[in-house]
């Protein structure tokens, strides 16, 4: 199960920036279509040139996520004691690791998963919402997904993803806390920077 969680997440293609604020569910739907269209048109090129594909992911996908906020949540209490350099290194390494290790999975699964978004009703004053959806696979039951989003400036950004009651932030925080206790924050950062696979474990608790 854990091997498909993040590939399915990336398959949603969240990311395109907007000049003016739009409802969070609309932002997700629009950028889903953008990413899928790019992959469909350039699939062979991206498969042959990972650098070009990673550049597209960086441009289209990453801006939809509150990367610094996610890094802070994932490190939890360790963020408070980390130096500015450690914070910057961890944020960059964590982001790059996810992209590097799941870009190929996205290319392999882009046409096997469809997305059905559930209705979202906003009162117009919310700054923190959850966009709910279902991932529809050709084989197997739908997978429930929730995108925790907050309004930052004039853009809605994702700060956590809940997949089948599994919070990616909570999951990674639990993993990394244990590792930091054993080897220290610098060792964790170095491990991720040198290409270690970063993915959720199946044993994490619910959010």
N, C-alpha and C. Protein backbone atom coordinates (compact mmCIF):
# COMPACT_ATOMS: atom_id res chain seq x y z
N UNK A 1 0.83 -1.21 0.00
CA UNK A 1 0.00 0.00 0.00
C UNK A 1 0.86 1.25 0.00
N UNK A 2 1.93 1.24 0.84
CA UNK A 2 2.73 2.46 0.98
C UNK A 2 3.44 2.83 -0.32
N UNK A 3 3.66 1.84 -1.19
CA UNK A 3 4.38 2.11 -2.43
C UNK A 3 3.54 2.92 -3.41
N UNK A 4 2.21 2.93 -3.22
CA UNK A 4 1.38 3.66 -4.18
C UNK A 4 0.84 4.96 -3.61
N UNK A 5 1.02 5.22 -2.31
CA UNK A 5 0.42 6.41 -1.71
C UNK A 5 0.91 7.69 -2.33
N UNK A 6 2.21 7.90 -2.32
CA UNK A 6 2.72 9.15 -2.87
C UNK A 6 2.67 9.21 -4.38
N UNK A 7 2.91 8.09 -5.10
CA UNK A 7 2.69 8.18 -6.54
C UNK A 7 1.27 8.62 -6.88
N UNK A 8 0.29 8.13 -6.14
CA UNK A 8 -1.08 8.54 -6.40
C UNK A 8 -1.27 10.01 -6.07
N UNK A 9 -0.63 10.44 -5.01
CA UNK A 9 -0.71 11.86 -4.64
C UNK A 9 -0.15 12.72 -5.76
N UNK A 10 1.04 12.38 -6.23
CA UNK A 10 1.64 13.19 -7.30
C UNK A 10 0.84 13.08 -8.59
N UNK A 11 0.16 11.96 -8.77
CA UNK A 11 -0.63 11.80 -9.99
C UNK A 11 -1.76 12.82 -10.07
N UNK A 12 -2.10 13.40 -8.94
CA UNK A 12 -3.13 14.42 -8.97
C UNK A 12 -2.64 15.70 -9.63
N UNK A 13 -1.34 15.92 -9.65
CA UNK A 13 -0.80 17.05 -10.38
C UNK A 13 -1.11 18.38 -9.76
N UNK A 14 -1.07 18.49 -8.43
CA UNK A 14 -1.36 19.78 -7.81
C UNK A 14 -0.23 20.75 -8.08
N UNK A 15 -0.55 22.02 -8.39
CA UNK A 15 0.58 22.89 -8.48
C UNK A 15 0.48 24.22 -9.16
N UNK A 16 -0.28 24.44 -10.16
CA UNK A 16 -0.19 25.68 -10.91
C UNK A 16 -0.55 26.88 -10.04
N UNK A 17 0.27 27.91 -10.11
CA UNK A 17 0.02 29.12 -9.33
C UNK A 17 -1.05 29.97 -10.00
N UNK A 18 -1.78 30.75 -9.19
CA UNK A 18 -2.83 31.61 -9.70
C UNK A 18 -2.55 33.04 -9.31
N UNK A 19 -2.86 33.96 -10.22
CA UNK A 19 -2.62 35.37 -9.95
C UNK A 19 -3.59 35.90 -8.92
N UNK A 20 -4.79 35.33 -8.84
CA UNK A 20 -5.80 35.77 -7.89
C UNK A 20 -6.33 34.55 -7.16
N UNK A 21 -6.81 34.73 -5.91
CA UNK A 21 -7.28 33.57 -5.15
C UNK A 21 -8.50 32.94 -5.81
N UNK A 22 -8.51 31.63 -5.87
CA UNK A 22 -9.65 30.87 -6.36
C UNK A 22 -9.98 29.85 -5.28
N UNK A 23 -11.18 29.31 -5.26
CA UNK A 23 -11.53 28.30 -4.26
C UNK A 23 -10.53 27.15 -4.28
N UNK A 24 -10.23 26.59 -3.14
CA UNK A 24 -9.20 25.55 -3.07
C UNK A 24 -9.51 24.32 -3.92
N UNK A 25 -10.79 23.90 -3.96
CA UNK A 25 -11.12 22.73 -4.77
C UNK A 25 -10.97 23.02 -6.26
N UNK A 26 -11.26 24.25 -6.65
CA UNK A 26 -11.09 24.64 -8.05
C UNK A 26 -9.61 24.63 -8.42
N UNK A 27 -8.78 25.14 -7.50
CA UNK A 27 -7.33 25.15 -7.75
C UNK A 27 -6.80 23.74 -7.95
N UNK A 28 -7.27 22.80 -7.12
CA UNK A 28 -6.83 21.41 -7.24
C UNK A 28 -7.28 20.82 -8.57
N UNK A 29 -8.54 21.04 -8.92
CA UNK A 29 -9.05 20.48 -10.17
C UNK A 29 -8.31 21.04 -11.38
N UNK A 30 -8.11 22.35 -11.41
CA UNK A 30 -7.45 22.98 -12.56
C UNK A 30 -6.02 22.49 -12.73
N UNK A 31 -5.31 22.39 -11.63
CA UNK A 31 -3.91 21.99 -11.74
C UNK A 31 -3.78 20.49 -12.01
N UNK A 32 -4.77 19.71 -11.59
CA UNK A 32 -4.80 18.30 -11.95
C UNK A 32 -4.83 18.17 -13.48
N UNK A 33 -5.71 18.91 -14.10
CA UNK A 33 -5.84 18.86 -15.55
C UNK A 33 -4.57 19.35 -16.24
N UNK A 34 -3.96 20.39 -15.68
CA UNK A 34 -2.74 20.93 -16.27
C UNK A 34 -1.61 19.90 -16.27
N UNK A 35 -1.41 19.26 -15.13
CA UNK A 35 -0.31 18.29 -15.03
C UNK A 35 -0.56 17.08 -15.91
N UNK A 36 -1.77 16.59 -15.92
CA UNK A 36 -2.08 15.42 -16.74
C UNK A 36 -1.93 15.73 -18.23
N UNK A 37 -2.34 16.91 -18.63
CA UNK A 37 -2.22 17.29 -20.03
C UNK A 37 -0.76 17.36 -20.45
N UNK A 38 0.08 17.91 -19.58
CA UNK A 38 1.51 17.99 -19.88
C UNK A 38 2.13 16.61 -20.01
N UNK A 39 1.77 15.72 -19.11
CA UNK A 39 2.34 14.37 -19.16
C UNK A 39 1.84 13.61 -20.39
N UNK A 40 0.56 13.75 -20.69
CA UNK A 40 0.01 13.06 -21.85
C UNK A 40 0.70 13.50 -23.13
N UNK A 41 0.95 14.79 -23.25
CA UNK A 41 1.56 15.34 -24.46
C UNK A 41 3.04 15.00 -24.55
N UNK A 42 3.71 14.97 -23.40
CA UNK A 42 5.17 14.84 -23.40
C UNK A 42 5.66 13.57 -22.71
N UNK A 43 4.83 12.55 -22.65
CA UNK A 43 5.16 11.36 -21.87
C UNK A 43 6.48 10.74 -22.30
N UNK A 44 6.66 10.53 -23.59
CA UNK A 44 7.90 9.91 -24.08
C UNK A 44 9.12 10.76 -23.75
N UNK A 45 8.98 12.08 -23.90
CA UNK A 45 10.08 12.99 -23.60
C UNK A 45 10.44 12.93 -22.12
N UNK A 46 9.45 12.97 -21.25
CA UNK A 46 9.71 12.95 -19.81
C UNK A 46 10.31 11.62 -19.37
N UNK A 47 9.86 10.53 -20.00
CA UNK A 47 10.43 9.22 -19.67
C UNK A 47 11.90 9.15 -20.06
N UNK A 48 12.24 9.81 -21.15
CA UNK A 48 13.63 9.76 -21.64
C UNK A 48 14.52 10.77 -20.94
N UNK A 49 13.95 11.83 -20.41
CA UNK A 49 14.74 12.91 -19.81
C UNK A 49 14.16 13.28 -18.45
N UNK A 50 14.66 12.63 -17.41
CA UNK A 50 14.18 12.87 -16.06
C UNK A 50 14.41 14.29 -15.58
N UNK A 51 15.47 14.91 -16.06
CA UNK A 51 15.78 16.29 -15.65
C UNK A 51 14.67 17.23 -16.11
N UNK A 52 14.23 17.05 -17.35
CA UNK A 52 13.17 17.91 -17.87
C UNK A 52 11.86 17.67 -17.12
N UNK A 53 11.58 16.41 -16.81
CA UNK A 53 10.35 16.13 -16.08
C UNK A 53 10.40 16.71 -14.67
N UNK A 54 11.52 16.56 -14.00
CA UNK A 54 11.65 17.13 -12.65
C UNK A 54 11.50 18.65 -12.69
N UNK A 55 11.97 19.26 -13.76
CA UNK A 55 11.83 20.71 -13.88
C UNK A 55 10.35 21.10 -14.00
N UNK A 56 9.59 20.29 -14.74
CA UNK A 56 8.15 20.55 -14.88
C UNK A 56 7.46 20.36 -13.53
N UNK A 57 7.82 19.32 -12.82
CA UNK A 57 7.24 19.07 -11.49
C UNK A 57 7.55 20.23 -10.56
N UNK A 58 8.79 20.72 -10.62
CA UNK A 58 9.20 21.84 -9.78
C UNK A 58 8.39 23.10 -10.11
N UNK A 59 8.11 23.28 -11.38
CA UNK A 59 7.40 24.49 -11.81
C UNK A 59 5.90 24.40 -11.56
N UNK A 60 5.31 23.24 -11.80
CA UNK A 60 3.86 23.10 -11.77
C UNK A 60 3.35 22.55 -10.44
N UNK A 61 4.02 21.54 -9.92
CA UNK A 61 3.52 20.85 -8.73
C UNK A 61 3.90 21.53 -7.43
N UNK A 62 5.18 21.82 -7.28
CA UNK A 62 5.70 22.29 -5.99
C UNK A 62 5.05 23.57 -5.49
N UNK A 63 4.76 24.57 -6.35
CA UNK A 63 4.19 25.82 -5.83
C UNK A 63 2.83 25.67 -5.14
N UNK A 64 2.11 24.59 -5.41
CA UNK A 64 0.82 24.40 -4.75
C UNK A 64 0.99 23.96 -3.29
N UNK A 65 2.18 23.53 -2.92
CA UNK A 65 2.42 23.06 -1.56
C UNK A 65 3.15 24.11 -0.73
N UNK A 66 2.77 24.20 0.52
CA UNK A 66 3.48 25.07 1.48
C UNK A 66 4.69 24.30 1.97
N UNK A 67 5.72 24.26 1.14
CA UNK A 67 6.90 23.44 1.43
C UNK A 67 7.56 23.80 2.76
N UNK A 68 7.82 25.10 3.05
CA UNK A 68 8.41 25.43 4.35
C UNK A 68 7.50 25.04 5.51
N UNK A 69 6.20 25.25 5.34
CA UNK A 69 5.27 24.89 6.40
C UNK A 69 5.23 23.39 6.65
N UNK A 70 5.26 22.60 5.58
CA UNK A 70 5.27 21.15 5.71
C UNK A 70 6.53 20.69 6.42
N UNK A 71 7.67 21.25 6.03
CA UNK A 71 8.94 20.88 6.67
C UNK A 71 8.90 21.17 8.17
N UNK A 72 8.32 22.31 8.53
CA UNK A 72 8.22 22.69 9.94
C UNK A 72 7.32 21.72 10.70
N UNK A 73 6.20 21.36 10.10
CA UNK A 73 5.28 20.42 10.74
C UNK A 73 5.91 19.04 10.88
N UNK A 74 6.63 18.61 9.85
CA UNK A 74 7.24 17.28 9.87
C UNK A 74 8.31 17.18 10.94
N UNK A 75 9.14 18.21 11.07
CA UNK A 75 10.19 18.17 12.10
C UNK A 75 9.62 18.37 13.50
N UNK A 76 8.46 19.01 13.60
CA UNK A 76 7.84 19.19 14.91
C UNK A 76 8.73 19.93 15.88
N UNK A 77 8.90 19.38 17.08
CA UNK A 77 9.70 20.05 18.11
C UNK A 77 11.16 20.19 17.71
N UNK A 78 11.62 19.35 16.79
CA UNK A 78 13.02 19.44 16.34
C UNK A 78 13.26 20.71 15.51
N UNK A 79 12.18 21.26 14.96
CA UNK A 79 12.32 22.51 14.20
C UNK A 79 12.79 23.64 15.10
N UNK A 80 12.31 23.66 16.34
CA UNK A 80 12.62 24.74 17.27
C UNK A 80 14.10 24.77 17.61
N UNK A 81 14.72 23.62 17.69
CA UNK A 81 16.12 23.55 18.08
C UNK A 81 17.07 23.51 16.88
N UNK A 82 16.51 23.40 15.67
CA UNK A 82 17.35 23.34 14.47
C UNK A 82 17.89 24.73 14.14
N UNK A 83 19.09 24.78 13.59
CA UNK A 83 19.69 26.04 13.17
C UNK A 83 19.05 26.47 11.84
N UNK A 84 19.20 27.73 11.46
CA UNK A 84 18.67 28.18 10.15
C UNK A 84 19.22 27.34 9.00
N UNK A 85 20.49 26.97 9.07
CA UNK A 85 21.07 26.15 8.02
C UNK A 85 20.45 24.76 7.99
N UNK A 86 20.23 24.17 9.15
CA UNK A 86 19.60 22.85 9.21
C UNK A 86 18.17 22.90 8.68
N UNK A 87 17.45 23.94 9.02
CA UNK A 87 16.08 24.09 8.52
C UNK A 87 16.05 24.18 7.00
N UNK A 88 16.93 24.99 6.45
CA UNK A 88 16.98 25.16 5.00
C UNK A 88 17.38 23.88 4.30
N UNK A 89 18.39 23.20 4.83
CA UNK A 89 18.86 21.95 4.23
C UNK A 89 17.78 20.88 4.29
N UNK A 90 17.11 20.76 5.43
CA UNK A 90 16.07 19.74 5.56
C UNK A 90 14.91 20.02 4.61
N UNK A 91 14.48 21.26 4.56
CA UNK A 91 13.36 21.63 3.69
C UNK A 91 13.66 21.28 2.24
N UNK A 92 14.85 21.63 1.78
CA UNK A 92 15.22 21.38 0.39
C UNK A 92 15.40 19.89 0.13
N UNK A 93 16.06 19.19 1.05
CA UNK A 93 16.33 17.76 0.86
C UNK A 93 15.04 16.95 0.88
N UNK A 94 14.14 17.28 1.80
CA UNK A 94 12.88 16.56 1.91
C UNK A 94 12.05 16.72 0.64
N UNK A 95 11.95 17.95 0.17
CA UNK A 95 11.21 18.21 -1.06
C UNK A 95 11.83 17.48 -2.24
N UNK A 96 13.14 17.60 -2.41
CA UNK A 96 13.80 16.98 -3.55
C UNK A 96 13.70 15.46 -3.51
N UNK A 97 13.76 14.88 -2.32
CA UNK A 97 13.70 13.42 -2.21
C UNK A 97 12.35 12.90 -2.66
N UNK A 98 11.29 13.57 -2.24
CA UNK A 98 9.95 13.13 -2.66
C UNK A 98 9.81 13.18 -4.17
N UNK A 99 10.27 14.28 -4.75
CA UNK A 99 10.15 14.43 -6.20
C UNK A 99 11.00 13.40 -6.93
N UNK A 100 12.24 13.25 -6.47
CA UNK A 100 13.18 12.35 -7.15
C UNK A 100 12.69 10.90 -7.13
N UNK A 101 12.16 10.47 -5.99
CA UNK A 101 11.81 9.06 -5.83
C UNK A 101 10.43 8.69 -6.38
N UNK A 102 9.59 9.69 -6.63
CA UNK A 102 8.25 9.37 -7.11
C UNK A 102 7.92 9.93 -8.48
N UNK A 103 8.88 10.61 -9.10
CA UNK A 103 8.63 11.14 -10.45
C UNK A 103 8.38 10.01 -11.44
N UNK A 104 9.19 8.96 -11.36
CA UNK A 104 9.02 7.84 -12.28
C UNK A 104 7.68 7.14 -12.05
N UNK A 105 7.29 7.04 -10.78
CA UNK A 105 6.00 6.39 -10.46
C UNK A 105 4.85 7.20 -11.04
N UNK A 106 4.97 8.51 -11.02
CA UNK A 106 3.94 9.36 -11.60
C UNK A 106 3.80 9.11 -13.09
N UNK A 107 4.92 9.03 -13.78
CA UNK A 107 4.88 8.78 -15.21
C UNK A 107 4.24 7.43 -15.53
N UNK A 108 4.50 6.45 -14.67
CA UNK A 108 3.98 5.11 -14.91
C UNK A 108 2.50 4.97 -14.58
N UNK A 109 1.96 5.89 -13.75
CA UNK A 109 0.59 5.74 -13.27
C UNK A 109 -0.36 6.86 -13.69
N UNK A 110 0.12 7.78 -14.50
CA UNK A 110 -0.69 8.97 -14.79
C UNK A 110 -2.01 8.63 -15.48
N UNK A 111 -2.05 7.56 -16.26
CA UNK A 111 -3.26 7.25 -17.02
C UNK A 111 -4.05 6.09 -16.43
N UNK A 112 -3.72 5.68 -15.20
CA UNK A 112 -4.43 4.57 -14.57
C UNK A 112 -5.25 5.01 -13.38
N UNK A 113 -5.23 6.31 -13.07
CA UNK A 113 -5.95 6.82 -11.91
C UNK A 113 -6.77 8.04 -12.33
N UNK A 114 -8.03 8.04 -11.96
CA UNK A 114 -8.88 9.20 -12.18
C UNK A 114 -9.24 9.78 -10.81
N UNK A 115 -9.71 11.03 -10.79
CA UNK A 115 -10.00 11.70 -9.53
C UNK A 115 -11.42 12.22 -9.51
N UNK A 116 -12.12 11.93 -8.42
CA UNK A 116 -13.46 12.45 -8.22
C UNK A 116 -13.45 13.33 -6.97
N UNK A 117 -13.72 14.61 -7.16
CA UNK A 117 -13.73 15.54 -6.05
C UNK A 117 -15.12 15.64 -5.44
N UNK A 118 -15.17 15.68 -4.13
CA UNK A 118 -16.43 15.79 -3.43
C UNK A 118 -16.79 17.27 -3.27
N UNK A 119 -18.08 17.58 -3.15
CA UNK A 119 -18.50 18.98 -3.05
C UNK A 119 -17.86 19.68 -1.85
N UNK A 120 -17.45 20.92 -2.07
CA UNK A 120 -16.87 21.73 -1.00
C UNK A 120 -17.67 23.01 -0.88
N UNK A 121 -18.20 23.25 0.29
CA UNK A 121 -18.99 24.46 0.53
C UNK A 121 -18.20 25.41 1.42
N UNK A 122 -17.96 26.61 0.91
CA UNK A 122 -17.21 27.61 1.65
C UNK A 122 -18.13 28.77 2.02
N UNK A 123 -17.93 29.27 3.25
CA UNK A 123 -18.71 30.43 3.68
C UNK A 123 -18.07 31.72 3.21
N UNK A 124 -16.84 31.63 2.74
CA UNK A 124 -16.14 32.81 2.25
C UNK A 124 -15.19 33.42 3.25
N UNK A 125 -15.18 32.88 4.47
CA UNK A 125 -14.31 33.43 5.51
C UNK A 125 -13.24 32.43 5.96
N UNK A 126 -13.31 31.21 5.47
CA UNK A 126 -12.35 30.19 5.90
C UNK A 126 -10.94 30.49 5.38
N UNK A 127 -9.97 30.15 6.18
CA UNK A 127 -8.57 30.24 5.75
C UNK A 127 -7.88 28.88 5.88
N UNK A 128 -8.65 27.87 6.32
CA UNK A 128 -8.11 26.52 6.49
C UNK A 128 -9.24 25.53 6.17
N UNK A 129 -9.06 24.73 5.13
CA UNK A 129 -10.11 23.80 4.71
C UNK A 129 -9.50 22.47 4.29
N UNK A 130 -10.36 21.49 4.13
CA UNK A 130 -9.94 20.19 3.62
C UNK A 130 -10.73 19.88 2.35
N UNK A 131 -10.01 19.71 1.27
CA UNK A 131 -10.62 19.31 0.00
C UNK A 131 -10.60 17.80 -0.07
N UNK A 132 -11.78 17.20 -0.20
CA UNK A 132 -11.87 15.74 -0.20
C UNK A 132 -12.07 15.21 -1.61
N UNK A 133 -11.44 14.07 -1.86
CA UNK A 133 -11.54 13.46 -3.18
C UNK A 133 -11.40 11.95 -3.06
N UNK A 134 -11.66 11.29 -4.18
CA UNK A 134 -11.45 9.85 -4.26
C UNK A 134 -10.60 9.55 -5.47
N UNK A 135 -9.62 8.69 -5.29
CA UNK A 135 -8.79 8.24 -6.40
C UNK A 135 -9.40 6.96 -6.94
N UNK A 136 -9.78 6.99 -8.21
CA UNK A 136 -10.45 5.87 -8.84
C UNK A 136 -9.45 5.11 -9.70
N UNK A 137 -9.18 3.87 -9.29
CA UNK A 137 -8.23 3.03 -10.03
C UNK A 137 -8.97 2.06 -10.93
N UNK A 138 -8.29 1.58 -11.97
CA UNK A 138 -8.89 0.61 -12.87
C UNK A 138 -9.13 -0.70 -12.14
N UNK A 139 -8.28 -1.00 -11.17
CA UNK A 139 -8.42 -2.22 -10.37
C UNK A 139 -8.36 -1.81 -8.90
N UNK A 140 -9.32 -2.28 -8.13
CA UNK A 140 -9.32 -1.98 -6.70
C UNK A 140 -10.34 -0.93 -6.32
N UNK A 141 -10.57 -0.81 -5.03
CA UNK A 141 -11.55 0.14 -4.52
C UNK A 141 -11.00 1.57 -4.58
N UNK A 142 -11.89 2.56 -4.59
CA UNK A 142 -11.44 3.96 -4.55
C UNK A 142 -10.64 4.23 -3.28
N UNK A 143 -9.71 5.15 -3.37
CA UNK A 143 -8.89 5.54 -2.23
C UNK A 143 -9.28 6.95 -1.83
N UNK A 144 -9.65 7.12 -0.58
CA UNK A 144 -10.06 8.45 -0.10
C UNK A 144 -8.84 9.32 0.17
N UNK A 145 -8.95 10.58 -0.22
CA UNK A 145 -7.85 11.53 -0.05
C UNK A 145 -8.42 12.84 0.47
N UNK A 146 -7.73 13.44 1.42
CA UNK A 146 -8.09 14.76 1.90
C UNK A 146 -6.89 15.68 1.81
N UNK A 147 -7.09 16.85 1.23
CA UNK A 147 -6.01 17.83 1.11
C UNK A 147 -6.23 18.94 2.12
N UNK A 148 -5.42 18.99 3.13
CA UNK A 148 -5.50 20.07 4.11
C UNK A 148 -4.83 21.29 3.50
N UNK A 149 -5.60 22.38 3.36
CA UNK A 149 -5.10 23.56 2.67
C UNK A 149 -5.35 24.80 3.50
N UNK A 150 -4.43 25.75 3.40
CA UNK A 150 -4.62 27.03 4.07
C UNK A 150 -4.33 28.16 3.10
N UNK A 151 -4.99 29.27 3.35
CA UNK A 151 -4.81 30.44 2.49
C UNK A 151 -3.59 31.21 2.93
N UNK A 152 -2.60 31.28 2.05
CA UNK A 152 -1.36 32.01 2.34
C UNK A 152 -1.26 33.14 1.32
N UNK A 153 -1.41 34.36 1.80
CA UNK A 153 -1.47 35.48 0.88
C UNK A 153 -2.73 35.36 0.05
N UNK A 154 -2.57 35.21 -1.26
CA UNK A 154 -3.73 35.06 -2.13
C UNK A 154 -3.76 33.70 -2.80
N UNK A 155 -3.11 32.72 -2.20
CA UNK A 155 -3.09 31.38 -2.78
C UNK A 155 -3.42 30.32 -1.73
N UNK A 156 -4.17 29.31 -2.14
CA UNK A 156 -4.42 28.16 -1.30
C UNK A 156 -3.29 27.16 -1.50
N UNK A 157 -2.68 26.74 -0.40
CA UNK A 157 -1.56 25.81 -0.48
C UNK A 157 -1.81 24.60 0.43
N UNK A 158 -1.35 23.46 -0.03
CA UNK A 158 -1.50 22.21 0.71
C UNK A 158 -0.42 22.12 1.79
N UNK A 159 -0.84 21.80 3.02
CA UNK A 159 0.14 21.60 4.09
C UNK A 159 0.10 20.19 4.66
N UNK A 160 -0.85 19.38 4.24
CA UNK A 160 -0.89 17.97 4.63
C UNK A 160 -1.82 17.24 3.68
N UNK A 161 -1.59 15.93 3.55
CA UNK A 161 -2.45 15.09 2.73
C UNK A 161 -2.83 13.87 3.56
N UNK A 162 -4.13 13.58 3.60
CA UNK A 162 -4.63 12.44 4.34
C UNK A 162 -5.07 11.38 3.34
N UNK A 163 -4.41 10.24 3.33
CA UNK A 163 -4.74 9.16 2.41
C UNK A 163 -5.21 7.96 3.22
N UNK A 164 -6.50 7.62 3.06
CA UNK A 164 -7.07 6.51 3.83
C UNK A 164 -6.76 6.67 5.31
N UNK A 165 -7.03 7.85 5.85
CA UNK A 165 -6.82 8.18 7.26
C UNK A 165 -5.35 8.22 7.66
N UNK A 166 -4.46 8.21 6.69
CA UNK A 166 -3.03 8.31 6.97
C UNK A 166 -2.55 9.72 6.66
N UNK A 167 -2.14 10.46 7.69
CA UNK A 167 -1.61 11.80 7.51
C UNK A 167 -0.13 11.69 7.16
N UNK A 168 0.24 12.21 6.00
CA UNK A 168 1.65 12.14 5.61
C UNK A 168 2.53 12.93 6.58
N UNK A 169 2.05 14.07 7.04
CA UNK A 169 2.84 14.88 7.98
C UNK A 169 3.06 14.11 9.28
N UNK A 170 1.99 13.57 9.85
CA UNK A 170 2.10 12.82 11.10
C UNK A 170 3.00 11.61 10.93
N UNK A 171 2.86 10.93 9.80
CA UNK A 171 3.64 9.74 9.53
C UNK A 171 5.13 10.06 9.47
N UNK A 172 5.48 11.06 8.67
CA UNK A 172 6.89 11.41 8.54
C UNK A 172 7.45 11.95 9.86
N UNK A 173 6.66 12.71 10.60
CA UNK A 173 7.14 13.25 11.87
C UNK A 173 7.49 12.12 12.84
N UNK A 174 6.65 11.10 12.88
CA UNK A 174 6.92 9.96 13.75
C UNK A 174 8.20 9.25 13.34
N UNK A 175 8.35 9.03 12.03
CA UNK A 175 9.56 8.36 11.53
C UNK A 175 10.81 9.16 11.87
N UNK A 176 10.78 10.44 11.54
CA UNK A 176 11.97 11.26 11.69
C UNK A 176 12.31 11.53 13.15
N UNK A 177 11.31 11.65 14.01
CA UNK A 177 11.59 11.84 15.43
C UNK A 177 12.41 10.69 15.98
N UNK A 178 12.02 9.47 15.59
CA UNK A 178 12.76 8.30 16.07
C UNK A 178 14.18 8.29 15.54
N UNK A 179 14.34 8.65 14.28
CA UNK A 179 15.68 8.65 13.70
C UNK A 179 16.55 9.74 14.33
N UNK A 180 15.98 10.89 14.57
CA UNK A 180 16.74 11.99 15.17
C UNK A 180 17.19 11.64 16.58
N UNK A 181 16.34 10.94 17.32
CA UNK A 181 16.71 10.50 18.67
C UNK A 181 17.93 9.59 18.63
N UNK A 182 18.02 8.76 17.59
CA UNK A 182 19.09 7.78 17.50
C UNK A 182 20.38 8.35 16.93
N UNK A 183 20.25 9.15 15.86
CA UNK A 183 21.46 9.57 15.14
C UNK A 183 21.64 11.08 15.04
N UNK A 184 20.60 11.86 15.35
CA UNK A 184 20.71 13.32 15.27
C UNK A 184 20.16 13.88 13.98
N UNK A 185 19.83 15.16 14.01
CA UNK A 185 19.22 15.82 12.86
C UNK A 185 20.16 15.89 11.68
N UNK A 186 21.43 16.20 11.92
CA UNK A 186 22.37 16.32 10.80
C UNK A 186 22.49 15.00 10.04
N UNK A 187 22.49 13.89 10.78
CA UNK A 187 22.59 12.58 10.13
C UNK A 187 21.36 12.31 9.27
N UNK A 188 20.18 12.70 9.75
CA UNK A 188 18.97 12.52 8.97
C UNK A 188 19.03 13.35 7.70
N UNK A 189 19.41 14.61 7.82
CA UNK A 189 19.49 15.49 6.66
C UNK A 189 20.48 14.94 5.63
N UNK A 190 21.63 14.51 6.10
CA UNK A 190 22.65 13.98 5.20
C UNK A 190 22.14 12.73 4.48
N UNK A 191 21.44 11.87 5.21
CA UNK A 191 20.90 10.65 4.60
C UNK A 191 19.93 11.00 3.48
N UNK A 192 19.06 11.98 3.71
CA UNK A 192 18.09 12.36 2.68
C UNK A 192 18.80 13.04 1.52
N UNK A 193 19.77 13.89 1.82
CA UNK A 193 20.50 14.59 0.76
C UNK A 193 21.25 13.64 -0.15
N UNK A 194 21.67 12.50 0.36
CA UNK A 194 22.45 11.56 -0.44
C UNK A 194 21.60 10.55 -1.19
N UNK A 195 20.29 10.78 -1.20
CA UNK A 195 19.43 9.98 -2.06
C UNK A 195 18.58 8.93 -1.39
N UNK A 196 18.43 8.98 -0.07
CA UNK A 196 17.60 8.00 0.62
C UNK A 196 16.14 8.14 0.20
N UNK A 197 15.45 7.02 0.10
CA UNK A 197 14.04 7.03 -0.25
C UNK A 197 13.23 7.54 0.94
N UNK A 198 12.36 8.49 0.68
CA UNK A 198 11.48 9.04 1.72
C UNK A 198 10.05 8.68 1.35
N UNK A 199 9.44 7.84 2.16
CA UNK A 199 8.06 7.45 1.91
C UNK A 199 7.39 7.08 3.22
N UNK A 200 6.05 7.17 3.28
CA UNK A 200 5.36 6.89 4.53
C UNK A 200 5.41 5.40 4.85
N UNK A 201 5.29 5.07 6.13
CA UNK A 201 5.23 3.68 6.55
C UNK A 201 3.79 3.29 6.77
N UNK A 202 3.53 2.01 6.68
CA UNK A 202 2.17 1.51 6.83
C UNK A 202 1.73 1.46 8.29
N UNK A 203 2.66 1.68 9.23
CA UNK A 203 2.35 1.52 10.64
C UNK A 203 1.96 2.79 11.33
N UNK A 204 1.96 3.92 10.60
CA UNK A 204 1.66 5.20 11.24
C UNK A 204 0.21 5.26 11.65
N UNK A 205 -0.05 6.05 12.69
CA UNK A 205 -1.41 6.18 13.18
C UNK A 205 -2.19 7.19 12.38
N UNK A 206 -3.45 7.33 12.72
CA UNK A 206 -4.32 8.27 12.05
C UNK A 206 -3.97 9.67 12.47
N UNK A 207 -4.36 10.64 11.63
CA UNK A 207 -4.09 12.02 11.94
C UNK A 207 -4.99 12.51 13.04
